[in-house]
Structures are given as C-alpha cells and as structure tokens.
Amino acid sequence: MTTLDQARYHLRIDGTEHDAEIEQKLMLARAIVSDYIGSNNQSNGDVEQAATMLVLGELWLNRESSSADVLSPAVRSLLERQKVQALA
C-alpha cells in the first residue's frame, strides 16, 4: 500500500502543507484502482501500487478539473491482467 511519504515523493512535494489533500487523493486513487480490477485476492500488489501512483499523479495534476480521465491507457494496461473476469 502506498504511504503518504511515497505519495509526496512521487508528486515531488516537499513539506506537509498539502498532506490532507494528498491523503484524500491517495484514498481516491486506491478506490479507483480497486474498482477497476474488482476484488481479486490473486492481484499483484506492486502492479496495483504502480497504478495507484499513476492515478494519484493524474488526480494531482488535474486537481482543478473535474473532467480528467485518470484511467489513462498506461493504467489500464497495467491493471488489465489484474481484473477479475466476470463469469458468464
């Protein structure tokens, strides 16, 4: 699981003045990744963490916009094998 310190480092933010906003976006990024892949006990934590960091970066970069697509092709590609396939 991505920590606040890792998130700050990834976003290249020094100091703690934005911690509340970063924590909020980190929780949202985790939720977006989890929602995309479904519940999968076999998922790769490293892949999920990488995708979470990418989504977090998009959320931070586009924090003033409500129309950004945070599930970029890179994130979708990372997570595609982690998705739980629905039974037909």
N, C-alpha and C. Protein backbone atom coordinates (compact mmCIF):
# COMPACT_ATOMS: atom_id res chain seq x y z
N MET A 1 0.84 -1.17 0.00
CA MET A 1 0.00 0.00 0.00
C MET A 1 0.89 1.25 0.00
N THR A 2 0.52 2.19 -0.79
CA THR A 2 1.27 3.44 -0.93
C THR A 2 1.11 4.30 0.31
N THR A 3 2.23 4.78 0.85
CA THR A 3 2.20 5.63 2.03
C THR A 3 2.15 7.10 1.63
N LEU A 4 1.86 7.94 2.59
CA LEU A 4 1.84 9.38 2.35
C LEU A 4 3.23 9.87 1.94
N ASP A 5 4.27 9.35 2.58
CA ASP A 5 5.64 9.75 2.21
C ASP A 5 5.96 9.37 0.77
N GLN A 6 5.56 8.16 0.36
CA GLN A 6 5.78 7.73 -1.03
C GLN A 6 4.99 8.62 -1.99
N ALA A 7 3.79 8.96 -1.61
CA ALA A 7 2.96 9.82 -2.47
C ALA A 7 3.59 11.20 -2.62
N ARG A 8 4.07 11.77 -1.50
CA ARG A 8 4.73 13.09 -1.57
C ARG A 8 5.96 13.02 -2.47
N TYR A 9 6.75 11.96 -2.32
CA TYR A 9 7.96 11.79 -3.14
C TYR A 9 7.57 11.68 -4.62
N HIS A 10 6.57 10.87 -4.91
CA HIS A 10 6.12 10.67 -6.29
C HIS A 10 5.64 11.98 -6.91
N LEU A 11 4.94 12.78 -6.12
CA LEU A 11 4.41 14.06 -6.61
C LEU A 11 5.43 15.19 -6.54
N ARG A 12 6.60 14.89 -5.99
CA ARG A 12 7.69 15.88 -5.83
C ARG A 12 7.24 17.07 -4.99
N ILE A 13 6.64 16.75 -3.86
CA ILE A 13 6.16 17.77 -2.94
C ILE A 13 6.97 17.71 -1.66
N ASP A 14 7.57 18.83 -1.31
CA ASP A 14 8.30 18.95 -0.05
C ASP A 14 7.36 19.54 1.00
N GLY A 15 7.57 19.17 2.23
CA GLY A 15 6.76 19.73 3.30
C GLY A 15 5.45 18.99 3.47
N THR A 16 4.69 19.46 4.43
CA THR A 16 3.46 18.76 4.80
C THR A 16 2.19 19.61 4.63
N GLU A 17 2.32 20.78 4.04
CA GLU A 17 1.16 21.67 3.96
C GLU A 17 0.03 21.12 3.09
N HIS A 18 0.34 20.21 2.17
CA HIS A 18 -0.69 19.65 1.28
C HIS A 18 -1.09 18.23 1.69
N ASP A 19 -0.66 17.79 2.87
CA ASP A 19 -0.89 16.40 3.27
C ASP A 19 -2.36 15.98 3.24
N ALA A 20 -3.24 16.81 3.72
CA ALA A 20 -4.66 16.44 3.75
C ALA A 20 -5.19 16.20 2.34
N GLU A 21 -4.83 17.07 1.41
CA GLU A 21 -5.28 16.91 0.02
C GLU A 21 -4.64 15.69 -0.63
N ILE A 22 -3.36 15.46 -0.34
CA ILE A 22 -2.67 14.29 -0.89
C ILE A 22 -3.30 13.01 -0.35
N GLU A 23 -3.58 12.96 0.95
CA GLU A 23 -4.21 11.77 1.53
C GLU A 23 -5.58 11.51 0.91
N GLN A 24 -6.33 12.57 0.68
CA GLN A 24 -7.65 12.42 0.06
C GLN A 24 -7.51 11.86 -1.35
N LYS A 25 -6.59 12.39 -2.12
CA LYS A 25 -6.40 11.92 -3.50
C LYS A 25 -5.80 10.52 -3.52
N LEU A 26 -4.97 10.19 -2.55
CA LEU A 26 -4.41 8.85 -2.46
C LEU A 26 -5.51 7.83 -2.18
N MET A 27 -6.41 8.15 -1.26
CA MET A 27 -7.54 7.25 -0.99
C MET A 27 -8.42 7.09 -2.22
N LEU A 28 -8.65 8.18 -2.94
CA LEU A 28 -9.44 8.13 -4.16
C LEU A 28 -8.74 7.29 -5.23
N ALA A 29 -7.44 7.46 -5.37
CA ALA A 29 -6.67 6.68 -6.35
C ALA A 29 -6.76 5.19 -6.03
N ARG A 30 -6.62 4.83 -4.76
CA ARG A 30 -6.75 3.42 -4.36
C ARG A 30 -8.13 2.89 -4.71
N ALA A 31 -9.16 3.69 -4.43
CA ALA A 31 -10.53 3.27 -4.71
C ALA A 31 -10.76 3.09 -6.21
N ILE A 32 -10.21 3.99 -7.01
CA ILE A 32 -10.36 3.89 -8.47
C ILE A 32 -9.71 2.62 -8.98
N VAL A 33 -8.50 2.32 -8.50
CA VAL A 33 -7.79 1.11 -8.92
C VAL A 33 -8.57 -0.12 -8.48
N SER A 34 -9.01 -0.16 -7.23
CA SER A 34 -9.77 -1.31 -6.72
C SER A 34 -11.06 -1.52 -7.50
N ASP A 35 -11.74 -0.43 -7.80
CA ASP A 35 -12.98 -0.52 -8.55
C ASP A 35 -12.74 -1.06 -9.95
N TYR A 36 -11.64 -0.66 -10.56
CA TYR A 36 -11.35 -1.09 -11.93
C TYR A 36 -11.05 -2.59 -11.99
N ILE A 37 -10.30 -3.10 -11.01
CA ILE A 37 -9.91 -4.51 -11.08
C ILE A 37 -10.90 -5.44 -10.39
N GLY A 38 -11.79 -4.91 -9.59
CA GLY A 38 -12.70 -5.76 -8.83
C GLY A 38 -11.96 -6.37 -7.66
N SER A 39 -12.59 -7.29 -6.95
CA SER A 39 -11.91 -7.91 -5.81
C SER A 39 -11.19 -9.16 -6.30
N ASN A 40 -9.89 -9.13 -6.15
CA ASN A 40 -9.05 -10.22 -6.65
C ASN A 40 -7.98 -10.52 -5.62
N ASN A 41 -8.11 -11.63 -4.94
CA ASN A 41 -7.12 -11.99 -3.93
C ASN A 41 -5.78 -12.37 -4.54
N GLN A 42 -5.74 -12.65 -5.82
CA GLN A 42 -4.51 -13.05 -6.50
C GLN A 42 -3.79 -11.87 -7.13
N SER A 43 -4.26 -10.66 -6.91
CA SER A 43 -3.69 -9.50 -7.58
C SER A 43 -2.27 -9.22 -7.10
N ASN A 44 -1.52 -8.55 -7.95
CA ASN A 44 -0.13 -8.20 -7.68
C ASN A 44 -0.09 -6.83 -7.02
N GLY A 45 0.32 -6.80 -5.76
CA GLY A 45 0.36 -5.54 -5.01
C GLY A 45 1.26 -4.50 -5.63
N ASP A 46 2.38 -4.93 -6.23
CA ASP A 46 3.29 -3.98 -6.86
C ASP A 46 2.65 -3.31 -8.07
N VAL A 47 1.91 -4.10 -8.84
CA VAL A 47 1.22 -3.55 -10.01
C VAL A 47 0.14 -2.58 -9.56
N GLU A 48 -0.60 -2.97 -8.54
CA GLU A 48 -1.64 -2.07 -8.01
C GLU A 48 -1.03 -0.79 -7.47
N GLN A 49 0.11 -0.89 -6.79
CA GLN A 49 0.76 0.30 -6.26
C GLN A 49 1.23 1.21 -7.38
N ALA A 50 1.81 0.64 -8.43
CA ALA A 50 2.25 1.44 -9.57
C ALA A 50 1.06 2.16 -10.21
N ALA A 51 -0.03 1.44 -10.38
CA ALA A 51 -1.23 2.05 -10.97
C ALA A 51 -1.79 3.13 -10.05
N THR A 52 -1.78 2.89 -8.76
CA THR A 52 -2.25 3.88 -7.80
C THR A 52 -1.43 5.15 -7.90
N MET A 53 -0.11 5.01 -8.03
CA MET A 53 0.76 6.19 -8.16
C MET A 53 0.45 6.95 -9.44
N LEU A 54 0.22 6.23 -10.53
CA LEU A 54 -0.12 6.90 -11.79
C LEU A 54 -1.45 7.65 -11.68
N VAL A 55 -2.44 7.00 -11.08
CA VAL A 55 -3.74 7.65 -10.90
C VAL A 55 -3.59 8.86 -9.97
N LEU A 56 -2.83 8.70 -8.89
CA LEU A 56 -2.59 9.81 -7.97
C LEU A 56 -1.96 10.99 -8.70
N GLY A 57 -0.99 10.71 -9.56
CA GLY A 57 -0.35 11.78 -10.33
C GLY A 57 -1.34 12.51 -11.21
N GLU A 58 -2.24 11.77 -11.85
CA GLU A 58 -3.27 12.39 -12.69
C GLU A 58 -4.23 13.23 -11.86
N LEU A 59 -4.64 12.68 -10.72
CA LEU A 59 -5.55 13.43 -9.84
C LEU A 59 -4.90 14.72 -9.35
N TRP A 60 -3.61 14.64 -9.01
CA TRP A 60 -2.91 15.83 -8.52
C TRP A 60 -2.72 16.85 -9.63
N LEU A 61 -2.30 16.37 -10.79
CA LEU A 61 -2.04 17.26 -11.92
C LEU A 61 -3.32 17.97 -12.36
N ASN A 62 -4.42 17.27 -12.32
CA ASN A 62 -5.70 17.81 -12.80
C ASN A 62 -6.65 18.11 -11.65
N ARG A 63 -6.12 18.54 -10.50
CA ARG A 63 -6.96 18.75 -9.32
C ARG A 63 -7.96 19.88 -9.48
N GLU A 64 -7.75 20.76 -10.43
CA GLU A 64 -8.70 21.85 -10.67
C GLU A 64 -9.77 21.46 -11.69
N SER A 65 -9.60 20.32 -12.33
CA SER A 65 -10.52 19.89 -13.38
C SER A 65 -11.38 18.74 -12.89
N SER A 66 -12.60 18.70 -13.34
CA SER A 66 -13.48 17.58 -12.98
C SER A 66 -13.67 16.62 -14.14
N SER A 67 -13.00 16.88 -15.26
CA SER A 67 -13.24 16.06 -16.44
C SER A 67 -12.04 15.21 -16.86
N ALA A 68 -11.01 15.16 -16.04
CA ALA A 68 -9.81 14.40 -16.40
C ALA A 68 -10.09 12.90 -16.36
N ASP A 69 -9.57 12.16 -17.33
CA ASP A 69 -9.68 10.70 -17.34
C ASP A 69 -8.45 10.15 -16.64
N VAL A 70 -8.61 9.76 -15.38
CA VAL A 70 -7.47 9.31 -14.59
C VAL A 70 -7.06 7.88 -14.93
N LEU A 71 -7.92 7.15 -15.63
CA LEU A 71 -7.56 5.81 -16.07
C LEU A 71 -6.95 5.90 -17.46
N SER A 72 -5.73 6.36 -17.48
CA SER A 72 -5.01 6.53 -18.74
C SER A 72 -4.75 5.16 -19.37
N PRO A 73 -4.35 5.14 -20.64
CA PRO A 73 -4.01 3.87 -21.27
C PRO A 73 -2.92 3.11 -20.51
N ALA A 74 -1.98 3.82 -19.91
CA ALA A 74 -0.91 3.16 -19.14
C ALA A 74 -1.49 2.45 -17.92
N VAL A 75 -2.41 3.10 -17.23
CA VAL A 75 -3.03 2.49 -16.05
C VAL A 75 -3.87 1.29 -16.47
N ARG A 76 -4.66 1.45 -17.51
CA ARG A 76 -5.49 0.34 -17.99
C ARG A 76 -4.63 -0.85 -18.39
N SER A 77 -3.53 -0.59 -19.05
CA SER A 77 -2.63 -1.66 -19.46
C SER A 77 -2.04 -2.38 -18.26
N LEU A 78 -1.62 -1.62 -17.26
CA LEU A 78 -1.07 -2.23 -16.04
C LEU A 78 -2.09 -3.12 -15.34
N LEU A 79 -3.32 -2.67 -15.30
CA LEU A 79 -4.34 -3.35 -14.50
C LEU A 79 -5.12 -4.41 -15.24
N GLU A 80 -5.01 -4.46 -16.53
CA GLU A 80 -5.87 -5.37 -17.31
C GLU A 80 -5.75 -6.82 -16.84
N ARG A 81 -4.55 -7.28 -16.56
CA ARG A 81 -4.37 -8.66 -16.12
C ARG A 81 -4.79 -8.87 -14.67
N GLN A 82 -4.96 -7.79 -13.94
CA GLN A 82 -5.36 -7.89 -12.53
C GLN A 82 -6.87 -7.96 -12.37
N LYS A 83 -7.59 -7.62 -13.44
CA LYS A 83 -9.05 -7.55 -13.35
C LYS A 83 -9.65 -8.93 -13.08
N VAL A 84 -10.69 -8.92 -12.28
CA VAL A 84 -11.46 -10.13 -12.04
C VAL A 84 -12.42 -10.27 -13.21
N GLN A 85 -12.34 -11.38 -13.89
CA GLN A 85 -13.23 -11.60 -15.03
C GLN A 85 -14.59 -12.07 -14.53
N ALA A 86 -15.62 -11.45 -15.02
CA ALA A 86 -16.98 -11.82 -14.64
C ALA A 86 -17.32 -13.17 -15.26
N LEU A 87 -18.01 -13.98 -14.50
CA LEU A 87 -18.44 -15.27 -15.02
C LEU A 87 -19.68 -15.07 -15.87
N ALA A 88 -19.68 -15.68 -17.05
CA ALA A 88 -20.82 -15.51 -17.96
C ALA A 88 -21.94 -16.45 -17.60
